[in-house]
Amino acid sequence: MATSIRLKSDIENRLNHLALATGRTKAYYLRELIENGLDDLEDCYLADSIMEKVHKGKEKIYSSKEMKKELGLDS
């Protein structure tokens, strides 16, 4: 899938320098950044979204006691 992005000139310069210095393409490093950073972004932004729902009372929360009982760990 082709995608285009705008980068600040200093970031683009760093990316160009890295690509030239290593003989790899800029696309290679952009893919690496996305593949290796997407998990962290998902964790951060999805957790933030859930916390917003919790604060608004739109997300059910459970106590540890309730979870232990639900999982059969309340012995």
PDB file of N, CA and C in Angstrom:
ATOM      1  N   MET A   1       0.839  -1.165   0.000  1.00  0.00           N
ATOM      2  CA  MET A   1       0.000   0.000   0.000  1.00  0.00           C
ATOM      3  C   MET A   1       0.890   1.237   0.000  1.00  0.00           C
ATOM      4  N   ALA A   2       0.671   2.083  -0.936  1.00  0.00           N
ATOM      5  CA  ALA A   2       1.448   3.314  -1.012  1.00  0.00           C
ATOM      6  C   ALA A   2       0.817   4.368  -0.112  1.00  0.00           C
ATOM      7  N   THR A   3       1.663   5.028   0.672  1.00  0.00           N
ATOM      8  CA  THR A   3       1.224   6.079   1.581  1.00  0.00           C
ATOM      9  C   THR A   3       2.239   7.208   1.532  1.00  0.00           C
ATOM     10  N   SER A   4       1.777   8.412   1.619  1.00  0.00           N
ATOM     11  CA  SER A   4       2.720   9.531   1.661  1.00  0.00           C
ATOM     12  C   SER A   4       2.546  10.281   2.968  1.00  0.00           C
ATOM     13  N   ILE A   5       3.644  10.813   3.468  1.00  0.00           N
ATOM     14  CA  ILE A   5       3.633  11.596   4.700  1.00  0.00           C
ATOM     15  C   ILE A   5       4.523  12.818   4.517  1.00  0.00           C
ATOM     16  N   ARG A   6       4.222  13.843   5.283  1.00  0.00           N
ATOM     17  CA  ARG A   6       5.079  15.029   5.296  1.00  0.00           C
ATOM     18  C   ARG A   6       5.942  14.955   6.556  1.00  0.00           C
ATOM     19  N   LEU A   7       7.210  15.194   6.372  1.00  0.00           N
ATOM     20  CA  LEU A   7       8.137  15.201   7.492  1.00  0.00           C
ATOM     21  C   LEU A   7       8.732  16.584   7.647  1.00  0.00           C
ATOM     22  N   LYS A   8       9.045  16.943   8.889  1.00  0.00           N
ATOM     23  CA  LYS A   8       9.795  18.181   9.108  1.00  0.00           C
ATOM     24  C   LYS A   8      11.148  18.013   8.435  1.00  0.00           C
ATOM     25  N   SER A   9      11.698  19.111   7.985  1.00  0.00           N
ATOM     26  CA  SER A   9      12.948  19.035   7.219  1.00  0.00           C
ATOM     27  C   SER A   9      14.087  18.407   8.016  1.00  0.00           C
ATOM     28  N   ASP A  10      14.162  18.669   9.318  1.00  0.00           N
ATOM     29  CA  ASP A  10      15.249  18.074  10.099  1.00  0.00           C
ATOM     30  C   ASP A  10      15.090  16.555  10.211  1.00  0.00           C
ATOM     31  N   ILE A  11      13.856  16.078  10.309  1.00  0.00           N
ATOM     32  CA  ILE A  11      13.615  14.635  10.369  1.00  0.00           C
ATOM     33  C   ILE A  11      13.937  14.001   9.018  1.00  0.00           C
ATOM     34  N   GLU A  12      13.511  14.663   7.950  1.00  0.00           N
ATOM     35  CA  GLU A  12      13.809  14.144   6.614  1.00  0.00           C
ATOM     36  C   GLU A  12      15.317  14.108   6.365  1.00  0.00           C
ATOM     37  N   ASN A  13      16.029  15.125   6.827  1.00  0.00           N
ATOM     38  CA  ASN A  13      17.489  15.136   6.685  1.00  0.00           C
ATOM     39  C   ASN A  13      18.136  13.988   7.443  1.00  0.00           C
ATOM     40  N   ARG A  14      17.670  13.729   8.651  1.00  0.00           N
ATOM     41  CA  ARG A  14      18.208  12.608   9.434  1.00  0.00           C
ATOM     42  C   ARG A  14      17.933  11.281   8.730  1.00  0.00           C
ATOM     43  N   LEU A  15      16.732  11.130   8.202  1.00  0.00           N
ATOM     44  CA  LEU A  15      16.367   9.915   7.494  1.00  0.00           C
ATOM     45  C   LEU A  15      17.223   9.739   6.237  1.00  0.00           C
ATOM     46  N   ASN A  16      17.404  10.819   5.496  1.00  0.00           N
ATOM     47  CA  ASN A  16      18.271  10.775   4.308  1.00  0.00           C
ATOM     48  C   ASN A  16      19.689  10.376   4.676  1.00  0.00           C
ATOM     49  N   HIS A  17      20.210  10.974   5.731  1.00  0.00           N
ATOM     50  CA  HIS A  17      21.567  10.670   6.172  1.00  0.00           C
ATOM     51  C   HIS A  17      21.699   9.194   6.564  1.00  0.00           C
ATOM     52  N   LEU A  18      20.741   8.685   7.318  1.00  0.00           N
ATOM     53  CA  LEU A  18      20.766   7.284   7.736  1.00  0.00           C
ATOM     54  C   LEU A  18      20.730   6.362   6.519  1.00  0.00           C
ATOM     55  N   ALA A  19      19.859   6.654   5.581  1.00  0.00           N
ATOM     56  CA  ALA A  19      19.745   5.822   4.378  1.00  0.00           C
ATOM     57  C   ALA A  19      21.044   5.830   3.580  1.00  0.00           C
ATOM     58  N   LEU A  20      21.618   7.009   3.397  1.00  0.00           N
ATOM     59  CA  LEU A  20      22.876   7.107   2.643  1.00  0.00           C
ATOM     60  C   LEU A  20      24.023   6.408   3.367  1.00  0.00           C
ATOM     61  N   ALA A  21      24.083   6.576   4.668  1.00  0.00           N
ATOM     62  CA  ALA A  21      25.182   6.005   5.452  1.00  0.00           C
ATOM     63  C   ALA A  21      25.124   4.479   5.518  1.00  0.00           C
ATOM     64  N   THR A  22      23.947   3.915   5.398  1.00  0.00           N
ATOM     65  CA  THR A  22      23.796   2.470   5.560  1.00  0.00           C
ATOM     66  C   THR A  22      23.512   1.727   4.259  1.00  0.00           C
ATOM     67  N   GLY A  23      23.208   2.469   3.198  1.00  0.00           N
ATOM     68  CA  GLY A  23      22.904   1.827   1.926  1.00  0.00           C
ATOM     69  C   GLY A  23      21.507   1.227   1.860  1.00  0.00           C
ATOM     70  N   ARG A  24      20.681   1.557   2.828  1.00  0.00           N
ATOM     71  CA  ARG A  24      19.290   1.092   2.813  1.00  0.00           C
ATOM     72  C   ARG A  24      18.402   2.245   2.337  1.00  0.00           C
ATOM     73  N   THR A  25      17.176   1.910   1.994  1.00  0.00           N
ATOM     74  CA  THR A  25      16.259   2.953   1.518  1.00  0.00           C
ATOM     75  C   THR A  25      15.568   3.640   2.692  1.00  0.00           C
ATOM     76  N   LYS A  26      15.073   4.827   2.409  1.00  0.00           N
ATOM     77  CA  LYS A  26      14.271   5.525   3.419  1.00  0.00           C
ATOM     78  C   LYS A  26      13.019   4.713   3.724  1.00  0.00           C
ATOM     79  N   ALA A  27      12.449   4.103   2.696  1.00  0.00           N
ATOM     80  CA  ALA A  27      11.247   3.290   2.890  1.00  0.00           C
ATOM     81  C   ALA A  27      11.513   2.143   3.861  1.00  0.00           C
ATOM     82  N   TYR A  28      12.706   1.564   3.797  1.00  0.00           N
ATOM     83  CA  TYR A  28      13.053   0.484   4.725  1.00  0.00           C
ATOM     84  C   TYR A  28      12.953   0.982   6.163  1.00  0.00           C
ATOM     85  N   TYR A  29      13.553   2.134   6.441  1.00  0.00           N
ATOM     86  CA  TYR A  29      13.554   2.652   7.809  1.00  0.00           C
ATOM     87  C   TYR A  29      12.169   3.109   8.254  1.00  0.00           C
ATOM     88  N   LEU A  30      11.385   3.656   7.348  1.00  0.00           N
ATOM     89  CA  LEU A  30      10.024   4.039   7.699  1.00  0.00           C
ATOM     90  C   LEU A  30       9.191   2.803   8.039  1.00  0.00           C
ATOM     91  N   ARG A  31       9.349   1.719   7.256  1.00  0.00           N
ATOM     92  CA  ARG A  31       8.655   0.471   7.572  1.00  0.00           C
ATOM     93  C   ARG A  31       9.084  -0.057   8.935  1.00  0.00           C
ATOM     94  N   GLU A  32      10.387  -0.019   9.204  1.00  0.00           N
ATOM     95  CA  GLU A  32      10.900  -0.478  10.503  1.00  0.00           C
ATOM     96  C   GLU A  32      10.286   0.321  11.650  1.00  0.00           C
ATOM     97  N   LEU A  33      10.258   1.626  11.498  1.00  0.00           N
ATOM     98  CA  LEU A  33       9.667   2.479  12.534  1.00  0.00           C
ATOM     99  C   LEU A  33       8.205   2.134  12.783  1.00  0.00           C
ATOM    100  N   ILE A  34       7.470   1.954  11.711  1.00  0.00           N
ATOM    101  CA  ILE A  34       6.038   1.655  11.846  1.00  0.00           C
ATOM    102  C   ILE A  34       5.836   0.275  12.448  1.00  0.00           C
ATOM    103  N   GLU A  35       6.507  -0.726  11.900  1.00  0.00           N
ATOM    104  CA  GLU A  35       6.335  -2.090  12.393  1.00  0.00           C
ATOM    105  C   GLU A  35       6.751  -2.236  13.853  1.00  0.00           C
ATOM    106  N   ASN A  36       7.820  -1.576  14.234  1.00  0.00           N
ATOM    107  CA  ASN A  36       8.318  -1.711  15.609  1.00  0.00           C
ATOM    108  C   ASN A  36       7.650  -0.751  16.584  1.00  0.00           C
ATOM    109  N   GLY A  37       7.031   0.300  16.080  1.00  0.00           N
ATOM    110  CA  GLY A  37       6.433   1.277  16.971  1.00  0.00           C
ATOM    111  C   GLY A  37       4.916   1.214  17.060  1.00  0.00           C
ATOM    112  N   LEU A  38       4.286   0.471  16.163  1.00  0.00           N
ATOM    113  CA  LEU A  38       2.836   0.433  16.135  1.00  0.00           C
ATOM    114  C   LEU A  38       2.251  -0.179  17.402  1.00  0.00           C
ATOM    115  N   ASP A  39       2.872  -1.222  17.933  1.00  0.00           N
ATOM    116  CA  ASP A  39       2.393  -1.829  19.181  1.00  0.00           C
ATOM    117  C   ASP A  39       2.342  -0.802  20.306  1.00  0.00           C
ATOM    118  N   ASP A  40       3.406  -0.014  20.422  1.00  0.00           N
ATOM    119  CA  ASP A  40       3.451   1.001  21.479  1.00  0.00           C
ATOM    120  C   ASP A  40       2.380   2.071  21.270  1.00  0.00           C
ATOM    121  N   LEU A  41       2.203   2.498  20.036  1.00  0.00           N
ATOM    122  CA  LEU A  41       1.182   3.506  19.749  1.00  0.00           C
ATOM    123  C   LEU A  41      -0.214   2.980  20.051  1.00  0.00           C
ATOM    124  N   GLU A  42      -0.472   1.734  19.665  1.00  0.00           N
ATOM    125  CA  GLU A  42      -1.774   1.132  19.959  1.00  0.00           C
ATOM    126  C   GLU A  42      -2.002   1.060  21.457  1.00  0.00           C
ATOM    127  N   ASP A  43      -1.002   0.597  22.192  1.00  0.00           N
ATOM    128  CA  ASP A  43      -1.129   0.504  23.649  1.00  0.00           C
ATOM    129  C   ASP A  43      -1.454   1.862  24.249  1.00  0.00           C
ATOM    130  N   CYS A  44      -0.725   2.855  23.844  1.00  0.00           N
ATOM    131  CA  CYS A  44      -0.885   4.195  24.409  1.00  0.00           C
ATOM    132  C   CYS A  44      -2.241   4.799  24.065  1.00  0.00           C
ATOM    133  N   TYR A  45      -2.559   4.856  22.789  1.00  0.00           N
ATOM    134  CA  TYR A  45      -3.771   5.544  22.371  1.00  0.00           C
ATOM    135  C   TYR A  45      -5.040   4.771  22.693  1.00  0.00           C
ATOM    136  N   LEU A  46      -4.995   3.427  22.602  1.00  0.00           N
ATOM    137  CA  LEU A  46      -6.177   2.646  22.944  1.00  0.00           C
ATOM    138  C   LEU A  46      -6.425   2.671  24.446  1.00  0.00           C
ATOM    139  N   ALA A  47      -5.367   2.628  25.243  1.00  0.00           N
ATOM    140  CA  ALA A  47      -5.524   2.726  26.694  1.00  0.00           C
ATOM    141  C   ALA A  47      -6.107   4.084  27.066  1.00  0.00           C
ATOM    142  N   ASP A  48      -5.644   5.121  26.415  1.00  0.00           N
ATOM    143  CA  ASP A  48      -6.157   6.465  26.667  1.00  0.00           C
ATOM    144  C   ASP A  48      -7.648   6.545  26.325  1.00  0.00           C
ATOM    145  N   SER A  49      -8.027   5.911  25.227  1.00  0.00           N
ATOM    146  CA  SER A  49      -9.426   5.887  24.813  1.00  0.00           C
ATOM    147  C   SER A  49     -10.288   5.151  25.834  1.00  0.00           C
ATOM    148  N   ILE A  50      -9.814   4.024  26.332  1.00  0.00           N
ATOM    149  CA  ILE A  50     -10.559   3.252  27.332  1.00  0.00           C
ATOM    150  C   ILE A  50     -10.677   4.051  28.630  1.00  0.00           C
ATOM    151  N   MET A  51      -9.600   4.703  29.052  1.00  0.00           N
ATOM    152  CA  MET A  51      -9.645   5.484  30.291  1.00  0.00           C
ATOM    153  C   MET A  51     -10.651   6.631  30.172  1.00  0.00           C
ATOM    154  N   GLU A  52     -10.754   7.219  28.998  1.00  0.00           N
ATOM    155  CA  GLU A  52     -11.739   8.274  28.790  1.00  0.00           C
ATOM    156  C   GLU A  52     -13.153   7.715  28.969  1.00  0.00           C
ATOM    157  N   LYS A  53     -13.402   6.503  28.438  1.00  0.00           N
ATOM    158  CA  LYS A  53     -14.701   5.855  28.604  1.00  0.00           C
ATOM    159  C   LYS A  53     -14.963   5.522  30.071  1.00  0.00           C
ATOM    160  N   VAL A  54     -13.945   5.083  30.792  1.00  0.00           N
ATOM    161  CA  VAL A  54     -14.088   4.779  32.222  1.00  0.00           C
ATOM    162  C   VAL A  54     -14.494   6.031  32.968  1.00  0.00           C
ATOM    163  N   HIS A  55     -13.810   7.129  32.710  1.00  0.00           N
ATOM    164  CA  HIS A  55     -14.112   8.392  33.395  1.00  0.00           C
ATOM    165  C   HIS A  55     -15.513   8.895  33.085  1.00  0.00           C
ATOM    166  N   LYS A  56     -16.017   8.574  31.890  1.00  0.00           N
ATOM    167  CA  LYS A  56     -17.366   8.992  31.505  1.00  0.00           C
ATOM    168  C   LYS A  56     -18.425   7.993  31.946  1.00  0.00           C
ATOM    169  N   GLY A  57     -17.987   6.890  32.571  1.00  0.00           N
ATOM    170  CA  GLY A  57     -18.922   5.872  33.027  1.00  0.00           C
ATOM    171  C   GLY A  57     -19.462   4.999  31.901  1.00  0.00           C
ATOM    172  N   LYS A  58     -18.768   4.969  30.783  1.00  0.00           N
ATOM    173  CA  LYS A  58     -19.224   4.198  29.624  1.00  0.00           C
ATOM    174  C   LYS A  58     -18.483   2.863  29.487  1.00  0.00           C
ATOM    175  N   GLU A  59     -17.615   2.556  30.418  1.00  0.00           N
ATOM    176  CA  GLU A  59     -16.843   1.313  30.376  1.00  0.00           C
ATOM    177  C   GLU A  59     -16.953   0.643  31.732  1.00  0.00           C
ATOM    178  N   LYS A  60     -17.313  -0.620  31.726  1.00  0.00           N
ATOM    179  CA  LYS A  60     -17.461  -1.381  32.977  1.00  0.00           C
ATOM    180  C   LYS A  60     -16.075  -1.689  33.535  1.00  0.00           C
ATOM    181  N   ILE A  61     -15.932  -1.497  34.831  1.00  0.00           N
ATOM    182  CA  ILE A  61     -14.685  -1.874  35.489  1.00  0.00           C
ATOM    183  C   ILE A  61     -14.999  -2.910  36.562  1.00  0.00           C
ATOM    184  N   TYR A  62     -14.027  -3.733  36.863  1.00  0.00           N
ATOM    185  CA  TYR A  62     -14.187  -4.817  37.817  1.00  0.00           C
ATOM    186  C   TYR A  62     -13.113  -4.731  38.880  1.00  0.00           C
ATOM    187  N   SER A  63     -13.476  -5.118  40.095  1.00  0.00           N
ATOM    188  CA  SER A  63     -12.486  -5.189  41.164  1.00  0.00           C
ATOM    189  C   SER A  63     -11.689  -6.473  41.000  1.00  0.00           C
ATOM    190  N   SER A  64     -10.562  -6.554  41.681  1.00  0.00           N
ATOM    191  CA  SER A  64      -9.773  -7.782  41.616  1.00  0.00           C
ATOM    192  C   SER A  64     -10.559  -8.950  42.212  1.00  0.00           C
ATOM    193  N   LYS A  65     -11.366  -8.667  43.218  1.00  0.00           N
ATOM    194  CA  LYS A  65     -12.189  -9.714  43.829  1.00  0.00           C
ATOM    195  C   LYS A  65     -13.188 -10.272  42.806  1.00  0.00           C
ATOM    196  N   GLU A  66     -13.816  -9.376  42.057  1.00  0.00           N
ATOM    197  CA  GLU A  66     -14.766  -9.803  41.032  1.00  0.00           C
ATOM    198  C   GLU A  66     -14.078 -10.629  39.936  1.00  0.00           C
ATOM    199  N   MET A  67     -12.905 -10.204  39.540  1.00  0.00           N
ATOM    200  CA  MET A  67     -12.178 -10.920  38.488  1.00  0.00           C
ATOM    201  C   MET A  67     -11.738 -12.299  38.966  1.00  0.00           C
ATOM    202  N   LYS A  68     -11.258 -12.378  40.202  1.00  0.00           N
ATOM    203  CA  LYS A  68     -10.854 -13.679  40.737  1.00  0.00           C
ATOM    204  C   LYS A  68     -12.041 -14.632  40.758  1.00  0.00           C
ATOM    205  N   LYS A  69     -13.203 -14.129  41.157  1.00  0.00           N
ATOM    206  CA  LYS A  69     -14.400 -14.955  41.192  1.00  0.00           C
ATOM    207  C   LYS A  69     -14.778 -15.389  39.774  1.00  0.00           C
ATOM    208  N   GLU A  70     -14.767 -14.464  38.831  1.00  0.00           N
ATOM    209  CA  GLU A  70     -15.101 -14.755  37.433  1.00  0.00           C
ATOM    210  C   GLU A  70     -14.173 -15.813  36.845  1.00  0.00           C
ATOM    211  N   LEU A  71     -12.905 -15.751  37.208  1.00  0.00           N
ATOM    212  CA  LEU A  71     -11.906 -16.695  36.672  1.00  0.00           C
ATOM    213  C   LEU A  71     -11.776 -17.968  37.514  1.00  0.00           C
ATOM    214  N   GLY A  72     -12.559 -18.073  38.573  1.00  0.00           N
ATOM    215  CA  GLY A  72     -12.507 -19.255  39.415  1.00  0.00           C
ATOM    216  C   GLY A  72     -11.255 -19.319  40.277  1.00  0.00           C
ATOM    217  N   LEU A  73     -10.727 -18.168  40.622  1.00  0.00           N
ATOM    218  CA  LEU A  73      -9.490 -18.099  41.405  1.00  0.00           C
ATOM    219  C   LEU A  73      -9.751 -17.616  42.831  1.00  0.00           C
ATOM    220  N   ASP A  74     -10.998 -17.650  43.270  1.00  0.00           N
ATOM    221  CA  ASP A  74     -11.367 -17.082  44.566  1.00  0.00           C
ATOM    222  C   ASP A  74     -11.352 -18.103  45.701  1.00  0.00           C
ATOM    223  N   SER A  75     -10.502 -19.070  45.624  1.00  0.00           N
ATOM    224  CA  SER A  75     -10.475 -20.122  46.647  1.00  0.00           C
ATOM    225  C   SER A  75      -9.920 -19.660  47.965  1.00  0.00           C
TER     226      SER A  75
END
